[in-house]
Amino acid sequence: MPILKDMQVQYITNESGERSSVILSIEDFESLLEELEDLAIIAERRDEPTISHEKLKEELKKDGLLPG
């Protein structure tokens, strides 16, 4: 997860000295986009039913995806 203090952020200011834009490296920009996409997926799936870890392991074993 990108942390702002670790990014090389540059600000563009208007005539009043107020920040109006940001310049980021392409790596930081792409990392932020990836995080945003992940958060959007989490938000979309918030109301989906969940199962316990034990139940998941049982199902994976039954399907032959885990040794057991």
N, C-alpha and C. Protein backbone atom coordinates (compact mmCIF):
# COMPACT_ATOMS: atom_id res chain seq x y z
N MET A 1 0.85 -1.17 0.00
CA MET A 1 0.00 0.00 0.00
C MET A 1 0.90 1.24 0.00
N PRO A 2 0.66 2.14 -0.93
CA PRO A 2 1.48 3.35 -0.96
C PRO A 2 1.19 4.25 0.24
N ILE A 3 2.25 4.83 0.77
CA ILE A 3 2.11 5.75 1.89
C ILE A 3 2.60 7.10 1.40
N LEU A 4 1.78 8.12 1.61
CA LEU A 4 2.07 9.44 1.06
C LEU A 4 3.45 9.94 1.43
N LYS A 5 3.88 9.71 2.67
CA LYS A 5 5.19 10.22 3.09
C LYS A 5 6.33 9.56 2.33
N ASP A 6 6.09 8.37 1.76
CA ASP A 6 7.12 7.67 1.00
C ASP A 6 7.11 8.05 -0.48
N MET A 7 6.11 8.80 -0.91
CA MET A 7 6.00 9.20 -2.31
C MET A 7 6.72 10.52 -2.55
N GLN A 8 7.18 10.65 -3.78
CA GLN A 8 7.79 11.91 -4.19
C GLN A 8 6.69 12.78 -4.79
N VAL A 9 5.98 13.51 -3.94
CA VAL A 9 4.84 14.32 -4.37
C VAL A 9 5.30 15.75 -4.60
N GLN A 10 4.89 16.30 -5.73
CA GLN A 10 5.13 17.71 -6.02
C GLN A 10 3.78 18.38 -6.22
N TYR A 11 3.64 19.58 -5.71
CA TYR A 11 2.39 20.31 -5.83
C TYR A 11 2.54 21.48 -6.79
N ILE A 12 1.50 21.72 -7.54
CA ILE A 12 1.41 22.91 -8.38
C ILE A 12 0.45 23.85 -7.67
N THR A 13 0.84 25.10 -7.55
CA THR A 13 0.00 26.08 -6.85
C THR A 13 -0.52 27.13 -7.82
N ASN A 14 -1.64 27.72 -7.45
CA ASN A 14 -2.20 28.80 -8.26
C ASN A 14 -1.56 30.13 -7.86
N GLU A 15 -2.06 31.21 -8.41
CA GLU A 15 -1.49 32.53 -8.15
C GLU A 15 -1.58 32.92 -6.68
N SER A 16 -2.55 32.34 -5.95
CA SER A 16 -2.73 32.64 -4.53
C SER A 16 -1.88 31.75 -3.63
N GLY A 17 -1.13 30.84 -4.23
CA GLY A 17 -0.31 29.93 -3.45
C GLY A 17 -1.06 28.71 -2.96
N GLU A 18 -2.31 28.53 -3.39
CA GLU A 18 -3.10 27.36 -2.99
C GLU A 18 -2.75 26.18 -3.90
N ARG A 19 -2.64 25.00 -3.32
CA ARG A 19 -2.36 23.81 -4.10
C ARG A 19 -3.52 23.54 -5.05
N SER A 20 -3.20 23.32 -6.30
CA SER A 20 -4.26 23.07 -7.28
C SER A 20 -4.08 21.75 -8.03
N SER A 21 -2.87 21.22 -8.05
CA SER A 21 -2.59 19.96 -8.75
C SER A 21 -1.44 19.24 -8.07
N VAL A 22 -1.29 17.97 -8.45
CA VAL A 22 -0.23 17.14 -7.87
C VAL A 22 0.53 16.46 -9.01
N ILE A 23 1.83 16.33 -8.82
CA ILE A 23 2.66 15.57 -9.75
C ILE A 23 3.20 14.37 -8.97
N LEU A 24 2.96 13.17 -9.54
CA LEU A 24 3.44 11.91 -8.95
C LEU A 24 4.26 11.16 -9.98
N SER A 25 5.14 10.30 -9.51
CA SER A 25 5.82 9.40 -10.45
C SER A 25 4.77 8.44 -11.01
N ILE A 26 5.05 7.89 -12.17
CA ILE A 26 4.11 6.94 -12.77
C ILE A 26 3.93 5.72 -11.88
N GLU A 27 5.00 5.31 -11.19
CA GLU A 27 4.91 4.16 -10.29
C GLU A 27 3.96 4.44 -9.14
N ASP A 28 4.08 5.62 -8.53
CA ASP A 28 3.18 5.98 -7.43
C ASP A 28 1.74 6.11 -7.93
N PHE A 29 1.57 6.70 -9.10
CA PHE A 29 0.23 6.87 -9.67
C PHE A 29 -0.42 5.51 -9.92
N GLU A 30 0.32 4.59 -10.54
CA GLU A 30 -0.22 3.26 -10.82
C GLU A 30 -0.52 2.50 -9.53
N SER A 31 0.32 2.67 -8.53
CA SER A 31 0.08 2.02 -7.24
C SER A 31 -1.20 2.55 -6.59
N LEU A 32 -1.40 3.85 -6.66
CA LEU A 32 -2.63 4.44 -6.12
C LEU A 32 -3.86 3.95 -6.88
N LEU A 33 -3.76 3.85 -8.20
CA LEU A 33 -4.88 3.34 -9.00
C LEU A 33 -5.21 1.90 -8.61
N GLU A 34 -4.19 1.09 -8.41
CA GLU A 34 -4.41 -0.30 -8.01
C GLU A 34 -5.11 -0.37 -6.66
N GLU A 35 -4.67 0.45 -5.72
CA GLU A 35 -5.31 0.48 -4.40
C GLU A 35 -6.77 0.92 -4.52
N LEU A 36 -7.02 1.91 -5.36
CA LEU A 36 -8.39 2.40 -5.55
C LEU A 36 -9.27 1.31 -6.15
N GLU A 37 -8.75 0.58 -7.13
CA GLU A 37 -9.50 -0.52 -7.72
C GLU A 37 -9.80 -1.60 -6.68
N ASP A 38 -8.82 -1.93 -5.85
CA ASP A 38 -9.03 -2.93 -4.80
C ASP A 38 -10.12 -2.49 -3.83
N LEU A 39 -10.09 -1.21 -3.44
CA LEU A 39 -11.10 -0.70 -2.52
C LEU A 39 -12.49 -0.72 -3.15
N ALA A 40 -12.57 -0.44 -4.45
CA ALA A 40 -13.86 -0.48 -5.14
C ALA A 40 -14.42 -1.90 -5.14
N ILE A 41 -13.56 -2.89 -5.37
CA ILE A 41 -14.00 -4.29 -5.35
C ILE A 41 -14.47 -4.68 -3.96
N ILE A 42 -13.74 -4.27 -2.95
CA ILE A 42 -14.15 -4.56 -1.57
C ILE A 42 -15.52 -3.95 -1.29
N ALA A 43 -15.73 -2.72 -1.70
CA ALA A 43 -17.01 -2.05 -1.47
C ALA A 43 -18.14 -2.77 -2.20
N GLU A 44 -17.90 -3.21 -3.43
CA GLU A 44 -18.92 -3.92 -4.20
C GLU A 44 -19.29 -5.26 -3.55
N ARG A 45 -18.33 -5.90 -2.91
CA ARG A 45 -18.55 -7.24 -2.37
C ARG A 45 -18.92 -7.24 -0.89
N ARG A 46 -19.10 -6.07 -0.33
CA ARG A 46 -19.35 -5.94 1.11
C ARG A 46 -20.53 -6.79 1.60
N ASP A 47 -21.58 -6.87 0.81
CA ASP A 47 -22.79 -7.56 1.25
C ASP A 47 -22.85 -9.03 0.83
N GLU A 48 -21.79 -9.53 0.23
CA GLU A 48 -21.78 -10.94 -0.16
C GLU A 48 -21.70 -11.82 1.08
N PRO A 49 -22.31 -12.99 1.02
CA PRO A 49 -22.23 -13.90 2.17
C PRO A 49 -20.79 -14.35 2.40
N THR A 50 -20.47 -14.63 3.64
CA THR A 50 -19.12 -15.09 4.00
C THR A 50 -19.21 -16.49 4.60
N ILE A 51 -18.05 -17.17 4.61
CA ILE A 51 -17.98 -18.47 5.28
C ILE A 51 -16.75 -18.45 6.19
N SER A 52 -16.77 -19.32 7.17
CA SER A 52 -15.65 -19.38 8.11
C SER A 52 -14.42 -19.98 7.43
N HIS A 53 -13.28 -19.76 8.04
CA HIS A 53 -12.03 -20.32 7.53
C HIS A 53 -12.09 -21.84 7.54
N GLU A 54 -12.65 -22.40 8.59
CA GLU A 54 -12.76 -23.86 8.69
C GLU A 54 -13.64 -24.42 7.57
N LYS A 55 -14.75 -23.77 7.30
CA LYS A 55 -15.66 -24.21 6.24
C LYS A 55 -14.96 -24.12 4.88
N LEU A 56 -14.20 -23.06 4.67
CA LEU A 56 -13.46 -22.92 3.42
C LEU A 56 -12.45 -24.05 3.25
N LYS A 57 -11.71 -24.37 4.32
CA LYS A 57 -10.75 -25.46 4.25
C LYS A 57 -11.44 -26.78 3.93
N GLU A 58 -12.61 -27.03 4.55
CA GLU A 58 -13.37 -28.25 4.28
C GLU A 58 -13.74 -28.34 2.81
N GLU A 59 -14.23 -27.23 2.26
CA GLU A 59 -14.65 -27.23 0.86
C GLU A 59 -13.47 -27.43 -0.08
N LEU A 60 -12.34 -26.82 0.23
CA LEU A 60 -11.15 -26.98 -0.61
C LEU A 60 -10.64 -28.41 -0.56
N LYS A 61 -10.70 -29.03 0.61
CA LYS A 61 -10.30 -30.44 0.73
C LYS A 61 -11.24 -31.33 -0.06
N LYS A 62 -12.53 -31.05 0.05
CA LYS A 62 -13.54 -31.84 -0.66
C LYS A 62 -13.34 -31.74 -2.18
N ASP A 63 -12.94 -30.56 -2.64
CA ASP A 63 -12.72 -30.34 -4.07
C ASP A 63 -11.33 -30.78 -4.53
N GLY A 64 -10.52 -31.31 -3.60
CA GLY A 64 -9.19 -31.78 -3.94
C GLY A 64 -8.16 -30.68 -4.13
N LEU A 65 -8.47 -29.49 -3.65
CA LEU A 65 -7.54 -28.37 -3.80
C LEU A 65 -6.62 -28.21 -2.60
N LEU A 66 -6.92 -28.93 -1.52
CA LEU A 66 -6.05 -28.98 -0.34
C LEU A 66 -5.88 -30.44 0.03
N PRO A 67 -4.68 -30.81 0.48
CA PRO A 67 -4.51 -32.20 0.93
C PRO A 67 -5.34 -32.44 2.19
N GLY A 68 -5.82 -33.61 2.32
CA GLY A 68 -6.58 -33.84 3.53
C GLY A 68 -7.05 -35.21 3.65
